[in-house]
N, C-alpha and C. Protein backbone atom coordinates (compact mmCIF):
# COMPACT_ATOMS: atom_id res chain seq x y z
N MET A 1 4.18 -6.70 -15.60
CA MET A 1 2.97 -6.50 -14.84
C MET A 1 3.20 -6.86 -13.38
N ALA A 2 3.90 -7.96 -13.13
CA ALA A 2 4.13 -8.38 -11.75
C ALA A 2 4.92 -7.32 -10.98
N HIS A 3 5.87 -6.68 -11.65
CA HIS A 3 6.66 -5.63 -10.98
C HIS A 3 5.77 -4.47 -10.54
N MET A 4 4.86 -4.06 -11.40
CA MET A 4 3.94 -2.96 -11.05
C MET A 4 3.01 -3.36 -9.91
N ILE A 5 2.59 -4.60 -9.87
CA ILE A 5 1.69 -5.06 -8.82
C ILE A 5 2.42 -5.15 -7.48
N ARG A 6 3.70 -5.48 -7.50
CA ARG A 6 4.48 -5.61 -6.27
C ARG A 6 4.60 -4.27 -5.52
N SER A 7 4.74 -3.19 -6.26
CA SER A 7 5.05 -1.88 -5.67
C SER A 7 4.14 -1.46 -4.52
N PRO A 8 2.82 -1.49 -4.67
CA PRO A 8 1.98 -1.01 -3.57
C PRO A 8 1.96 -1.92 -2.33
N PHE A 9 2.48 -3.14 -2.47
CA PHE A 9 2.43 -4.10 -1.37
C PHE A 9 3.80 -4.30 -0.72
N ARG A 10 4.73 -3.39 -0.96
CA ARG A 10 6.10 -3.52 -0.44
C ARG A 10 6.18 -3.66 1.07
N SER A 11 5.18 -3.17 1.77
CA SER A 11 5.24 -3.25 3.24
C SER A 11 5.00 -4.67 3.77
N ALA A 12 4.45 -5.53 2.93
CA ALA A 12 4.22 -6.93 3.34
C ALA A 12 5.54 -7.70 3.21
N ASP A 13 5.59 -8.89 3.79
CA ASP A 13 6.81 -9.69 3.67
C ASP A 13 6.99 -10.15 2.22
N GLU A 14 8.22 -10.46 1.86
CA GLU A 14 8.58 -10.76 0.47
C GLU A 14 7.80 -11.95 -0.09
N GLU A 15 7.55 -12.95 0.72
CA GLU A 15 6.80 -14.12 0.25
C GLU A 15 5.37 -13.73 -0.13
N THR A 16 4.73 -12.92 0.70
CA THR A 16 3.37 -12.47 0.43
C THR A 16 3.34 -11.58 -0.81
N VAL A 17 4.30 -10.68 -0.91
CA VAL A 17 4.35 -9.78 -2.08
C VAL A 17 4.52 -10.60 -3.36
N GLY A 18 5.38 -11.60 -3.32
CA GLY A 18 5.57 -12.47 -4.48
C GLY A 18 4.31 -13.23 -4.84
N LYS A 19 3.62 -13.72 -3.83
CA LYS A 19 2.38 -14.46 -4.07
C LYS A 19 1.33 -13.55 -4.71
N ILE A 20 1.20 -12.34 -4.21
CA ILE A 20 0.25 -11.37 -4.76
C ILE A 20 0.59 -11.09 -6.22
N ALA A 21 1.85 -10.77 -6.49
CA ALA A 21 2.27 -10.41 -7.84
C ALA A 21 2.07 -11.56 -8.83
N GLU A 22 2.48 -12.75 -8.44
CA GLU A 22 2.36 -13.90 -9.34
C GLU A 22 0.91 -14.29 -9.58
N THR A 23 0.08 -14.14 -8.56
CA THR A 23 -1.33 -14.49 -8.70
C THR A 23 -2.08 -13.49 -9.57
N LEU A 24 -1.77 -12.21 -9.40
CA LEU A 24 -2.55 -11.17 -10.07
C LEU A 24 -1.99 -10.71 -11.41
N ALA A 25 -0.76 -11.04 -11.74
CA ALA A 25 -0.19 -10.58 -13.00
C ALA A 25 -1.01 -11.01 -14.23
N PRO A 26 -1.45 -12.27 -14.33
CA PRO A 26 -2.26 -12.65 -15.49
C PRO A 26 -3.60 -11.90 -15.53
N PHE A 27 -4.21 -11.69 -14.38
CA PHE A 27 -5.47 -10.95 -14.30
C PHE A 27 -5.26 -9.50 -14.75
N GLY A 28 -4.18 -8.90 -14.29
CA GLY A 28 -3.88 -7.52 -14.67
C GLY A 28 -3.62 -7.38 -16.15
N THR A 29 -2.87 -8.32 -16.70
CA THR A 29 -2.57 -8.29 -18.13
C THR A 29 -3.85 -8.47 -18.95
N ALA A 30 -4.67 -9.41 -18.57
CA ALA A 30 -5.93 -9.63 -19.29
C ALA A 30 -6.85 -8.41 -19.19
N GLY A 31 -6.91 -7.81 -18.02
CA GLY A 31 -7.74 -6.63 -17.85
C GLY A 31 -7.24 -5.46 -18.67
N HIS A 32 -5.94 -5.28 -18.70
CA HIS A 32 -5.32 -4.20 -19.49
C HIS A 32 -5.61 -4.40 -20.97
N ASP A 33 -5.38 -5.61 -21.45
CA ASP A 33 -5.64 -5.90 -22.86
C ASP A 33 -7.12 -5.76 -23.19
N GLY A 34 -7.96 -6.22 -22.28
CA GLY A 34 -9.40 -6.14 -22.50
C GLY A 34 -9.90 -4.70 -22.59
N ALA A 35 -9.30 -3.82 -21.81
CA ALA A 35 -9.70 -2.41 -21.86
C ALA A 35 -9.43 -1.82 -23.24
N PHE A 36 -8.31 -2.18 -23.84
CA PHE A 36 -7.99 -1.66 -25.17
C PHE A 36 -8.86 -2.30 -26.25
N VAL A 37 -9.18 -3.57 -26.10
CA VAL A 37 -10.09 -4.21 -27.06
C VAL A 37 -11.44 -3.52 -27.01
N THR A 38 -11.93 -3.25 -25.81
CA THR A 38 -13.21 -2.57 -25.65
C THR A 38 -13.16 -1.17 -26.26
N LEU A 39 -12.08 -0.47 -26.02
CA LEU A 39 -11.91 0.87 -26.59
C LEU A 39 -11.95 0.82 -28.11
N ARG A 40 -11.23 -0.12 -28.69
CA ARG A 40 -11.16 -0.24 -30.15
C ARG A 40 -12.49 -0.67 -30.76
N SER A 41 -13.32 -1.33 -29.98
CA SER A 41 -14.61 -1.79 -30.52
C SER A 41 -15.72 -0.79 -30.27
N GLY A 42 -15.36 0.39 -29.77
CA GLY A 42 -16.37 1.43 -29.57
C GLY A 42 -17.17 1.25 -28.30
N GLY A 43 -16.51 0.86 -27.22
CA GLY A 43 -17.19 0.62 -25.95
C GLY A 43 -17.80 1.86 -25.32
N GLY A 44 -17.37 3.04 -25.74
CA GLY A 44 -17.98 4.26 -25.24
C GLY A 44 -17.34 4.87 -24.01
N ARG A 45 -16.65 4.09 -23.23
CA ARG A 45 -15.96 4.61 -22.04
C ARG A 45 -14.51 4.87 -22.38
N PRO A 46 -13.92 5.90 -21.80
CA PRO A 46 -12.49 6.11 -22.03
C PRO A 46 -11.66 5.02 -21.36
N VAL A 47 -10.51 4.73 -21.94
CA VAL A 47 -9.67 3.67 -21.39
C VAL A 47 -9.24 4.00 -19.96
N SER A 48 -9.17 5.26 -19.62
CA SER A 48 -8.79 5.63 -18.24
C SER A 48 -9.80 5.12 -17.23
N ALA A 49 -11.08 5.06 -17.59
CA ALA A 49 -12.10 4.52 -16.68
C ALA A 49 -11.87 3.03 -16.44
N TRP A 50 -11.55 2.30 -17.50
CA TRP A 50 -11.26 0.87 -17.35
C TRP A 50 -9.99 0.66 -16.55
N ARG A 51 -8.98 1.50 -16.81
CA ARG A 51 -7.71 1.38 -16.10
C ARG A 51 -7.89 1.63 -14.61
N ASP A 52 -8.69 2.64 -14.26
CA ASP A 52 -8.95 2.93 -12.85
C ASP A 52 -9.69 1.78 -12.18
N GLN A 53 -10.67 1.22 -12.87
CA GLN A 53 -11.42 0.09 -12.33
C GLN A 53 -10.51 -1.12 -12.14
N LEU A 54 -9.62 -1.36 -13.09
CA LEU A 54 -8.68 -2.47 -12.98
C LEU A 54 -7.74 -2.27 -11.80
N ALA A 55 -7.22 -1.05 -11.65
CA ALA A 55 -6.32 -0.76 -10.53
C ALA A 55 -7.01 -0.98 -9.19
N ASP A 56 -8.25 -0.52 -9.08
CA ASP A 56 -9.01 -0.73 -7.84
C ASP A 56 -9.23 -2.22 -7.57
N SER A 57 -9.53 -2.97 -8.62
CA SER A 57 -9.74 -4.41 -8.47
C SER A 57 -8.47 -5.13 -8.05
N LEU A 58 -7.34 -4.78 -8.68
CA LEU A 58 -6.07 -5.40 -8.31
C LEU A 58 -5.71 -5.09 -6.86
N ALA A 59 -5.94 -3.86 -6.44
CA ALA A 59 -5.64 -3.47 -5.06
C ALA A 59 -6.49 -4.26 -4.07
N ALA A 60 -7.78 -4.38 -4.36
CA ALA A 60 -8.68 -5.12 -3.45
C ALA A 60 -8.31 -6.60 -3.40
N LEU A 61 -8.02 -7.19 -4.55
CA LEU A 61 -7.63 -8.59 -4.57
C LEU A 61 -6.29 -8.80 -3.86
N GLY A 62 -5.35 -7.90 -4.08
CA GLY A 62 -4.07 -8.00 -3.39
C GLY A 62 -4.21 -7.90 -1.89
N ASP A 63 -5.05 -6.97 -1.43
CA ASP A 63 -5.32 -6.85 0.00
C ASP A 63 -5.93 -8.13 0.55
N ALA A 64 -6.84 -8.74 -0.20
CA ALA A 64 -7.48 -9.97 0.25
C ALA A 64 -6.47 -11.11 0.34
N ILE A 65 -5.57 -11.20 -0.63
CA ILE A 65 -4.54 -12.23 -0.61
C ILE A 65 -3.62 -12.03 0.60
N ALA A 66 -3.24 -10.78 0.84
CA ALA A 66 -2.36 -10.47 1.98
C ALA A 66 -3.04 -10.80 3.29
N ALA A 67 -4.33 -10.51 3.40
CA ALA A 67 -5.06 -10.78 4.64
C ALA A 67 -5.21 -12.28 4.89
N ALA A 68 -5.32 -13.06 3.81
CA ALA A 68 -5.50 -14.50 3.95
C ALA A 68 -4.19 -15.22 4.25
N ASP A 69 -3.10 -14.55 4.00
CA ASP A 69 -1.78 -15.18 4.17
C ASP A 69 -1.35 -15.20 5.62
């Protein structure tokens, strides 16, 4: 998960990219797992909608971490 999170932030310095990836990897994993649990329990939304929402959230949080650094 951390590797996937690092990719969009490659333009930042390595320390910031590492901080973003390490901070958000648990959140990304939990969100990914949660989307499938919701899908299996009949949540009604396709998993792609949850995945898109998670990606947008990770991007916004990563941007905020980079801006604060």
